Amino acid sequence: MKVLVFYIGADRYGLPLAGVARVLPAVALKQLPLAPAYVAGVMDLHGEPVPVIDLSRLAGLAPRQPWFDTRIILVDYPLDGGTTASLGLLAEHVTGVEQLDTAALRVPGIDSAAFLGQVSGGESGMLQLVRLDQLLGPEVRALLFSNRVQA
């Protein structure tokens, strides 16, 4: 399986490429007052508003820092009813694509966060998969995709 590799703090994470639509440079975001702290804001993508989540803040770390390799990973976020919506994930140090041996993936043994999945070791160190389907709770999904989520 091919994954897009990035860092949250000092640790490596990956998103299966199947869920990645595009990787964009970091852009200015419109803030969303009263949204959870890990909601970085909304970006304008060709006239369409796309919510952006700061992965560092979601993981309980300090807010992201603007690095030369900070990117917005645009994903097809799964919604109820089998539909998807565009969601941006603000990630520090996006390093590229790696091939993971799916047979080498293991359950980490600790459920620290629902959105963190299996782990794999390798030459570049341990990498943990991010589970898009578990990234946001129902309240945040309703907040960010109110025009698309059915009650």
N, C-alpha and C. Protein backbone atom coordinates (compact mmCIF):
# COMPACT_ATOMS: atom_id res chain seq x y z
N MET A 1 0.85 -1.17 0.00
CA MET A 1 0.00 0.00 0.00
C MET A 1 0.90 1.24 0.00
N LYS A 2 0.56 2.20 -0.83
CA LYS A 2 1.29 3.45 -0.86
C LYS A 2 0.63 4.44 0.09
N VAL A 3 1.48 5.16 0.85
CA VAL A 3 0.98 6.14 1.81
C VAL A 3 1.72 7.46 1.65
N LEU A 4 1.02 8.55 1.92
CA LEU A 4 1.64 9.87 1.99
C LEU A 4 2.14 10.04 3.41
N VAL A 5 3.43 10.34 3.56
CA VAL A 5 4.08 10.41 4.86
C VAL A 5 4.23 11.87 5.31
N PHE A 6 3.94 12.10 6.59
CA PHE A 6 4.07 13.42 7.19
C PHE A 6 4.37 13.24 8.67
N TYR A 7 4.63 14.33 9.33
CA TYR A 7 4.94 14.29 10.77
C TYR A 7 3.87 15.02 11.56
N ILE A 8 3.62 14.51 12.75
CA ILE A 8 2.89 15.22 13.79
C ILE A 8 3.86 15.26 14.95
N GLY A 9 4.38 16.44 15.26
CA GLY A 9 5.46 16.53 16.23
C GLY A 9 6.68 15.82 15.67
N ALA A 10 7.28 14.93 16.48
CA ALA A 10 8.47 14.20 16.05
C ALA A 10 8.15 12.84 15.44
N ASP A 11 6.87 12.49 15.36
CA ASP A 11 6.49 11.14 14.92
C ASP A 11 5.97 11.13 13.49
N ARG A 12 6.25 10.00 12.81
CA ARG A 12 5.83 9.82 11.41
C ARG A 12 4.44 9.17 11.34
N TYR A 13 3.65 9.69 10.40
CA TYR A 13 2.31 9.18 10.17
C TYR A 13 2.11 9.04 8.66
N GLY A 14 1.10 8.28 8.30
CA GLY A 14 0.81 8.10 6.89
C GLY A 14 -0.68 8.02 6.62
N LEU A 15 -1.04 8.49 5.44
CA LEU A 15 -2.41 8.38 4.93
C LEU A 15 -2.37 7.53 3.68
N PRO A 16 -3.20 6.50 3.59
CA PRO A 16 -3.25 5.73 2.35
C PRO A 16 -3.56 6.66 1.17
N LEU A 17 -2.82 6.50 0.09
CA LEU A 17 -3.01 7.39 -1.07
C LEU A 17 -4.41 7.30 -1.65
N ALA A 18 -5.09 6.21 -1.42
CA ALA A 18 -6.45 6.05 -1.95
C ALA A 18 -7.38 7.15 -1.44
N GLY A 19 -7.12 7.69 -0.24
CA GLY A 19 -7.98 8.73 0.31
C GLY A 19 -7.49 10.14 0.05
N VAL A 20 -6.32 10.29 -0.57
CA VAL A 20 -5.73 11.61 -0.80
C VAL A 20 -6.13 12.11 -2.19
N ALA A 21 -6.77 13.27 -2.24
CA ALA A 21 -7.16 13.86 -3.52
C ALA A 21 -6.04 14.73 -4.10
N ARG A 22 -5.43 15.58 -3.24
CA ARG A 22 -4.36 16.49 -3.68
C ARG A 22 -3.53 16.89 -2.48
N VAL A 23 -2.34 17.36 -2.75
CA VAL A 23 -1.50 17.96 -1.73
C VAL A 23 -1.23 19.39 -2.18
N LEU A 24 -1.59 20.34 -1.31
CA LEU A 24 -1.52 21.76 -1.66
C LEU A 24 -0.57 22.49 -0.73
N PRO A 25 0.02 23.59 -1.20
CA PRO A 25 0.80 24.42 -0.28
C PRO A 25 -0.11 25.01 0.79
N ALA A 26 0.45 25.31 1.95
CA ALA A 26 -0.33 25.96 3.00
C ALA A 26 -0.77 27.34 2.51
N VAL A 27 -2.01 27.68 2.80
CA VAL A 27 -2.57 28.97 2.37
C VAL A 27 -3.20 29.65 3.58
N ALA A 28 -3.53 30.92 3.41
CA ALA A 28 -4.24 31.65 4.46
C ALA A 28 -5.64 31.05 4.62
N LEU A 29 -6.07 30.95 5.87
CA LEU A 29 -7.36 30.34 6.18
C LEU A 29 -8.28 31.35 6.83
N LYS A 30 -9.57 31.23 6.56
CA LYS A 30 -10.59 32.03 7.23
C LYS A 30 -10.88 31.32 8.55
N GLN A 31 -10.75 32.01 9.65
CA GLN A 31 -10.99 31.43 10.96
C GLN A 31 -12.47 31.17 11.18
N LEU A 32 -12.78 30.16 12.00
CA LEU A 32 -14.16 29.83 12.36
C LEU A 32 -14.33 30.04 13.86
N PRO A 33 -14.86 31.20 14.27
CA PRO A 33 -15.05 31.45 15.70
C PRO A 33 -15.88 30.36 16.37
N LEU A 34 -15.50 30.03 17.58
CA LEU A 34 -16.18 29.05 18.43
C LEU A 34 -16.04 27.61 17.95
N ALA A 35 -15.26 27.38 16.91
CA ALA A 35 -14.99 26.00 16.47
C ALA A 35 -13.94 25.40 17.41
N PRO A 36 -13.86 24.08 17.49
CA PRO A 36 -12.81 23.46 18.31
C PRO A 36 -11.43 23.96 17.89
N ALA A 37 -10.49 23.98 18.82
CA ALA A 37 -9.16 24.53 18.57
C ALA A 37 -8.44 23.87 17.40
N TYR A 38 -8.70 22.60 17.14
CA TYR A 38 -8.00 21.91 16.06
C TYR A 38 -8.59 22.19 14.68
N VAL A 39 -9.69 22.93 14.62
CA VAL A 39 -10.22 23.37 13.33
C VAL A 39 -9.44 24.63 12.96
N ALA A 40 -8.53 24.50 12.00
CA ALA A 40 -7.65 25.61 11.63
C ALA A 40 -8.40 26.71 10.89
N GLY A 41 -9.47 26.37 10.20
CA GLY A 41 -10.25 27.35 9.47
C GLY A 41 -10.81 26.76 8.19
N VAL A 42 -11.11 27.66 7.26
CA VAL A 42 -11.67 27.27 5.96
C VAL A 42 -10.80 27.86 4.87
N MET A 43 -10.50 27.05 3.87
CA MET A 43 -9.74 27.55 2.72
C MET A 43 -10.67 27.69 1.52
N ASP A 44 -10.26 28.54 0.60
CA ASP A 44 -11.01 28.75 -0.64
C ASP A 44 -10.34 27.89 -1.71
N LEU A 45 -11.07 26.89 -2.18
CA LEU A 45 -10.55 26.01 -3.24
C LEU A 45 -11.40 26.22 -4.48
N HIS A 46 -10.93 27.08 -5.36
CA HIS A 46 -11.64 27.38 -6.60
C HIS A 46 -13.08 27.83 -6.35
N GLY A 47 -13.24 28.68 -5.32
CA GLY A 47 -14.55 29.22 -5.00
C GLY A 47 -15.37 28.38 -4.04
N GLU A 48 -14.88 27.22 -3.66
CA GLU A 48 -15.59 26.36 -2.72
C GLU A 48 -14.91 26.41 -1.36
N PRO A 49 -15.66 26.61 -0.28
CA PRO A 49 -15.05 26.59 1.05
C PRO A 49 -14.76 25.14 1.47
N VAL A 50 -13.55 24.92 1.96
CA VAL A 50 -13.13 23.59 2.41
C VAL A 50 -12.60 23.73 3.84
N PRO A 51 -13.21 23.03 4.81
CA PRO A 51 -12.69 23.09 6.18
C PRO A 51 -11.32 22.43 6.27
N VAL A 52 -10.49 22.97 7.18
CA VAL A 52 -9.13 22.47 7.35
C VAL A 52 -8.91 22.16 8.83
N ILE A 53 -8.38 20.96 9.10
CA ILE A 53 -8.07 20.50 10.45
C ILE A 53 -6.56 20.56 10.65
N ASP A 54 -6.11 21.10 11.76
CA ASP A 54 -4.70 21.12 12.12
C ASP A 54 -4.38 19.80 12.83
N LEU A 55 -3.65 18.92 12.17
CA LEU A 55 -3.37 17.60 12.74
C LEU A 55 -2.57 17.66 14.03
N SER A 56 -1.69 18.64 14.17
CA SER A 56 -0.92 18.78 15.40
C SER A 56 -1.84 19.07 16.58
N ARG A 57 -2.74 20.00 16.39
CA ARG A 57 -3.68 20.34 17.48
C ARG A 57 -4.65 19.20 17.76
N LEU A 58 -5.09 18.51 16.71
CA LEU A 58 -5.98 17.37 16.90
C LEU A 58 -5.31 16.30 17.76
N ALA A 59 -4.00 16.16 17.61
CA ALA A 59 -3.24 15.17 18.38
C ALA A 59 -2.85 15.69 19.77
N GLY A 60 -3.29 16.89 20.11
CA GLY A 60 -3.02 17.43 21.44
C GLY A 60 -1.67 18.11 21.58
N LEU A 61 -1.02 18.42 20.46
CA LEU A 61 0.27 19.10 20.49
C LEU A 61 0.09 20.59 20.26
N ALA A 62 1.18 21.32 20.34
CA ALA A 62 1.15 22.76 20.09
C ALA A 62 0.66 23.02 18.66
N PRO A 63 0.10 24.20 18.42
CA PRO A 63 -0.36 24.52 17.06
C PRO A 63 0.76 24.35 16.05
N ARG A 64 0.38 24.05 14.86
CA ARG A 64 1.36 23.83 13.80
C ARG A 64 2.22 25.07 13.60
N GLN A 65 3.44 24.79 13.14
CA GLN A 65 4.34 25.88 12.80
C GLN A 65 4.47 25.91 11.28
N PRO A 66 4.56 27.08 10.71
CA PRO A 66 4.70 27.15 9.24
C PRO A 66 6.13 26.79 8.82
N TRP A 67 6.30 25.62 8.25
CA TRP A 67 7.58 25.18 7.72
C TRP A 67 7.51 25.21 6.20
N PHE A 68 8.64 25.12 5.55
CA PHE A 68 8.64 25.13 4.08
C PHE A 68 7.94 23.91 3.51
N ASP A 69 7.86 22.83 4.30
CA ASP A 69 7.20 21.62 3.82
C ASP A 69 5.86 21.36 4.51
N THR A 70 5.27 22.41 5.11
CA THR A 70 3.91 22.31 5.65
C THR A 70 2.95 22.33 4.45
N ARG A 71 2.01 21.40 4.47
CA ARG A 71 1.07 21.28 3.35
C ARG A 71 -0.35 21.09 3.87
N ILE A 72 -1.29 21.32 2.99
CA ILE A 72 -2.67 20.95 3.23
C ILE A 72 -2.95 19.72 2.37
N ILE A 73 -3.25 18.63 3.05
CA ILE A 73 -3.57 17.39 2.35
C ILE A 73 -5.08 17.38 2.16
N LEU A 74 -5.50 17.44 0.92
CA LEU A 74 -6.92 17.45 0.61
C LEU A 74 -7.38 15.99 0.47
N VAL A 75 -8.35 15.62 1.30
CA VAL A 75 -8.84 14.24 1.31
C VAL A 75 -10.32 14.20 1.00
N ASP A 76 -10.77 13.03 0.57
CA ASP A 76 -12.19 12.77 0.39
C ASP A 76 -12.69 12.17 1.70
N TYR A 77 -13.24 13.03 2.54
CA TYR A 77 -13.65 12.61 3.88
C TYR A 77 -14.99 11.88 3.81
N PRO A 78 -15.07 10.66 4.37
CA PRO A 78 -16.33 9.90 4.29
C PRO A 78 -17.40 10.45 5.22
N LEU A 79 -18.59 10.67 4.67
CA LEU A 79 -19.74 11.13 5.44
C LEU A 79 -20.76 10.00 5.52
N ASP A 80 -21.80 10.23 6.32
CA ASP A 80 -22.87 9.26 6.42
C ASP A 80 -23.54 9.08 5.06
N GLY A 81 -24.05 7.90 4.84
CA GLY A 81 -24.76 7.63 3.60
C GLY A 81 -23.86 7.32 2.42
N GLY A 82 -22.56 7.11 2.66
CA GLY A 82 -21.66 6.74 1.59
C GLY A 82 -21.15 7.89 0.74
N THR A 83 -21.47 9.12 1.12
CA THR A 83 -20.96 10.27 0.36
C THR A 83 -19.64 10.74 0.96
N THR A 84 -18.97 11.63 0.26
CA THR A 84 -17.73 12.21 0.75
C THR A 84 -17.78 13.73 0.60
N ALA A 85 -16.89 14.39 1.32
CA ALA A 85 -16.74 15.84 1.22
C ALA A 85 -15.24 16.17 1.28
N SER A 86 -14.86 17.26 0.67
CA SER A 86 -13.46 17.68 0.72
C SER A 86 -13.13 18.18 2.12
N LEU A 87 -11.99 17.75 2.63
CA LEU A 87 -11.48 18.17 3.93
C LEU A 87 -9.99 18.37 3.80
N GLY A 88 -9.49 19.48 4.33
CA GLY A 88 -8.06 19.73 4.33
C GLY A 88 -7.44 19.33 5.66
N LEU A 89 -6.29 18.70 5.59
CA LEU A 89 -5.54 18.32 6.78
C LEU A 89 -4.22 19.07 6.76
N LEU A 90 -4.04 19.97 7.70
CA LEU A 90 -2.82 20.76 7.79
C LEU A 90 -1.76 19.91 8.46
N ALA A 91 -0.68 19.62 7.73
CA ALA A 91 0.35 18.72 8.23
C ALA A 91 1.74 19.33 8.06
N GLU A 92 2.54 19.20 9.12
CA GLU A 92 3.92 19.67 9.06
C GLU A 92 4.79 18.59 8.42
N HIS A 93 5.82 19.02 7.76
CA HIS A 93 6.85 18.13 7.22
C HIS A 93 6.28 16.98 6.40
N VAL A 94 5.56 17.31 5.35
CA VAL A 94 5.10 16.28 4.41
C VAL A 94 6.33 15.86 3.61
N THR A 95 6.68 14.58 3.71
CA THR A 95 7.96 14.14 3.14
C THR A 95 7.84 13.37 1.84
N GLY A 96 6.67 12.86 1.50
CA GLY A 96 6.53 12.16 0.24
C GLY A 96 5.73 10.88 0.39
N VAL A 97 5.92 9.99 -0.57
CA VAL A 97 5.16 8.75 -0.65
C VAL A 97 6.09 7.58 -0.36
N GLU A 98 5.58 6.62 0.42
CA GLU A 98 6.32 5.39 0.71
C GLU A 98 5.43 4.20 0.44
N GLN A 99 6.05 3.10 0.11
CA GLN A 99 5.35 1.84 -0.05
C GLN A 99 5.41 1.09 1.27
N LEU A 100 4.25 0.69 1.80
CA LEU A 100 4.18 -0.09 3.04
C LEU A 100 3.78 -1.52 2.70
N ASP A 101 4.42 -2.44 3.36
CA ASP A 101 4.04 -3.84 3.24
C ASP A 101 2.86 -4.06 4.18
N THR A 102 1.68 -4.32 3.65
CA THR A 102 0.50 -4.46 4.49
C THR A 102 0.63 -5.64 5.46
N ALA A 103 1.43 -6.64 5.10
CA ALA A 103 1.64 -7.77 6.01
C ALA A 103 2.44 -7.37 7.24
N ALA A 104 3.18 -6.27 7.15
CA ALA A 104 4.01 -5.80 8.27
C ALA A 104 3.24 -4.88 9.21
N LEU A 105 2.01 -4.50 8.87
CA LEU A 105 1.23 -3.62 9.73
C LEU A 105 0.76 -4.36 10.97
N ARG A 106 0.86 -3.68 12.11
CA ARG A 106 0.49 -4.28 13.39
C ARG A 106 -0.39 -3.32 14.19
N VAL A 107 -1.24 -3.88 15.04
CA VAL A 107 -2.04 -3.09 15.96
C VAL A 107 -1.08 -2.56 17.03
N PRO A 108 -1.13 -1.25 17.32
CA PRO A 108 -0.15 -0.70 18.26
C PRO A 108 -0.30 -1.18 19.70
N GLY A 109 -1.47 -1.70 20.07
CA GLY A 109 -1.67 -2.19 21.42
C GLY A 109 -2.16 -1.14 22.40
N ILE A 110 -2.20 0.11 21.97
CA ILE A 110 -2.68 1.20 22.82
C ILE A 110 -3.67 2.01 21.99
N ASP A 111 -4.86 2.21 22.51
CA ASP A 111 -5.85 3.04 21.82
C ASP A 111 -5.77 4.46 22.37
N SER A 112 -4.80 5.22 21.86
CA SER A 112 -4.62 6.58 22.37
C SER A 112 -5.59 7.55 21.72
N ALA A 113 -5.93 7.33 20.46
CA ALA A 113 -6.86 8.19 19.75
C ALA A 113 -7.55 7.36 18.68
N ALA A 114 -8.84 7.54 18.52
CA ALA A 114 -9.61 6.73 17.58
C ALA A 114 -9.11 6.86 16.14
N PHE A 115 -8.54 8.02 15.79
CA PHE A 115 -8.13 8.24 14.40
C PHE A 115 -6.76 7.64 14.08
N LEU A 116 -6.08 7.06 15.07
CA LEU A 116 -4.79 6.45 14.82
C LEU A 116 -4.95 4.95 14.63
N GLY A 117 -4.35 4.43 13.58
CA GLY A 117 -4.51 3.03 13.24
C GLY A 117 -3.26 2.21 13.44
N GLN A 118 -3.03 1.30 12.54
CA GLN A 118 -1.94 0.35 12.63
C GLN A 118 -0.58 1.03 12.47
N VAL A 119 0.47 0.33 12.93
CA VAL A 119 1.84 0.83 12.85
C VAL A 119 2.69 -0.13 12.03
N SER A 120 3.78 0.42 11.50
CA SER A 120 4.73 -0.38 10.74
C SER A 120 6.12 0.19 10.98
N GLY A 121 7.09 -0.69 11.16
CA GLY A 121 8.48 -0.26 11.28
C GLY A 121 9.15 -0.31 9.92
N GLY A 122 10.28 0.34 9.83
CA GLY A 122 11.03 0.34 8.57
C GLY A 122 12.34 1.07 8.72
N GLU A 123 13.03 1.21 7.61
CA GLU A 123 14.34 1.89 7.62
C GLU A 123 14.24 3.32 8.13
N SER A 124 13.14 3.99 7.83
CA SER A 124 12.97 5.40 8.24
C SER A 124 12.34 5.54 9.61
N GLY A 125 12.07 4.44 10.28
CA GLY A 125 11.47 4.49 11.61
C GLY A 125 10.03 4.04 11.59
N MET A 126 9.41 4.06 12.75
CA MET A 126 8.03 3.64 12.90
C MET A 126 7.09 4.65 12.26
N LEU A 127 6.02 4.14 11.64
CA LEU A 127 5.02 4.98 10.99
C LEU A 127 3.65 4.46 11.43
N GLN A 128 2.74 5.39 11.74
CA GLN A 128 1.38 5.01 12.13
C GLN A 128 0.39 5.57 11.12
N LEU A 129 -0.57 4.74 10.75
CA LEU A 129 -1.59 5.16 9.80
C LEU A 129 -2.65 6.01 10.48
N VAL A 130 -3.16 6.99 9.74
CA VAL A 130 -4.28 7.81 10.19
C VAL A 130 -5.54 7.27 9.53
N ARG A 131 -6.57 7.05 10.33
CA ARG A 131 -7.85 6.52 9.84
C ARG A 131 -8.81 7.68 9.59
N LEU A 132 -9.03 7.99 8.33
CA LEU A 132 -9.91 9.10 7.98
C LEU A 132 -11.32 8.92 8.54
N ASP A 133 -11.82 7.70 8.53
CA ASP A 133 -13.19 7.47 8.97
C ASP A 133 -13.38 7.73 10.46
N GLN A 134 -12.29 7.82 11.22
CA GLN A 134 -12.36 8.06 12.66
C GLN A 134 -11.78 9.43 13.05
N LEU A 135 -11.48 10.26 12.07
CA LEU A 135 -10.78 11.52 12.33
C LEU A 135 -11.62 12.51 13.14
N LEU A 136 -12.90 12.63 12.84
CA LEU A 136 -13.75 13.63 13.48
C LEU A 136 -14.93 12.98 14.17
N GLY A 137 -15.29 13.52 15.32
CA GLY A 137 -16.47 13.06 16.03
C GLY A 137 -17.74 13.58 15.36
N PRO A 138 -18.89 13.05 15.75
CA PRO A 138 -20.16 13.44 15.12
C PRO A 138 -20.47 14.94 15.24
N GLU A 139 -20.12 15.54 16.38
CA GLU A 139 -20.42 16.96 16.57
C GLU A 139 -19.61 17.83 15.61
N VAL A 140 -18.34 17.48 15.42
CA VAL A 140 -17.49 18.27 14.52
C VAL A 140 -17.88 18.02 13.07
N ARG A 141 -18.22 16.78 12.73
CA ARG A 141 -18.72 16.51 11.37
C ARG A 141 -19.95 17.36 11.09
N ALA A 142 -20.86 17.45 12.05
CA ALA A 142 -22.08 18.25 11.87
C ALA A 142 -21.73 19.73 11.72
N LEU A 143 -20.77 20.20 12.49
CA LEU A 143 -20.35 21.60 12.42
C LEU A 143 -19.74 21.93 11.06
N LEU A 144 -18.83 21.09 10.59
CA LEU A 144 -18.09 21.37 9.37
C LEU A 144 -18.86 21.05 8.10
N PHE A 145 -19.76 20.09 8.19
CA PHE A 145 -20.47 19.64 6.98
C PHE A 145 -21.98 19.70 7.19
N SER A 146 -22.46 20.74 7.85
CA SER A 146 -23.88 20.84 8.19
C SER A 146 -24.78 20.78 6.98
N ASN A 147 -24.29 21.26 5.87
CA ASN A 147 -25.13 21.25 4.65
C ASN A 147 -25.12 19.89 3.97
N ARG A 148 -24.31 18.93 4.47
CA ARG A 148 -24.20 17.63 3.84
C ARG A 148 -24.53 16.48 4.76
N VAL A 149 -24.51 16.70 6.08
CA VAL A 149 -24.76 15.63 7.04
C VAL A 149 -26.25 15.55 7.30
N GLN A 150 -26.77 14.34 7.24
CA GLN A 150 -28.19 14.17 7.52
C GLN A 150 -28.39 13.87 9.00
N ALA A 151 -29.40 14.47 9.59
CA ALA A 151 -29.68 14.27 11.02
C ALA A 151 -30.25 12.90 11.30
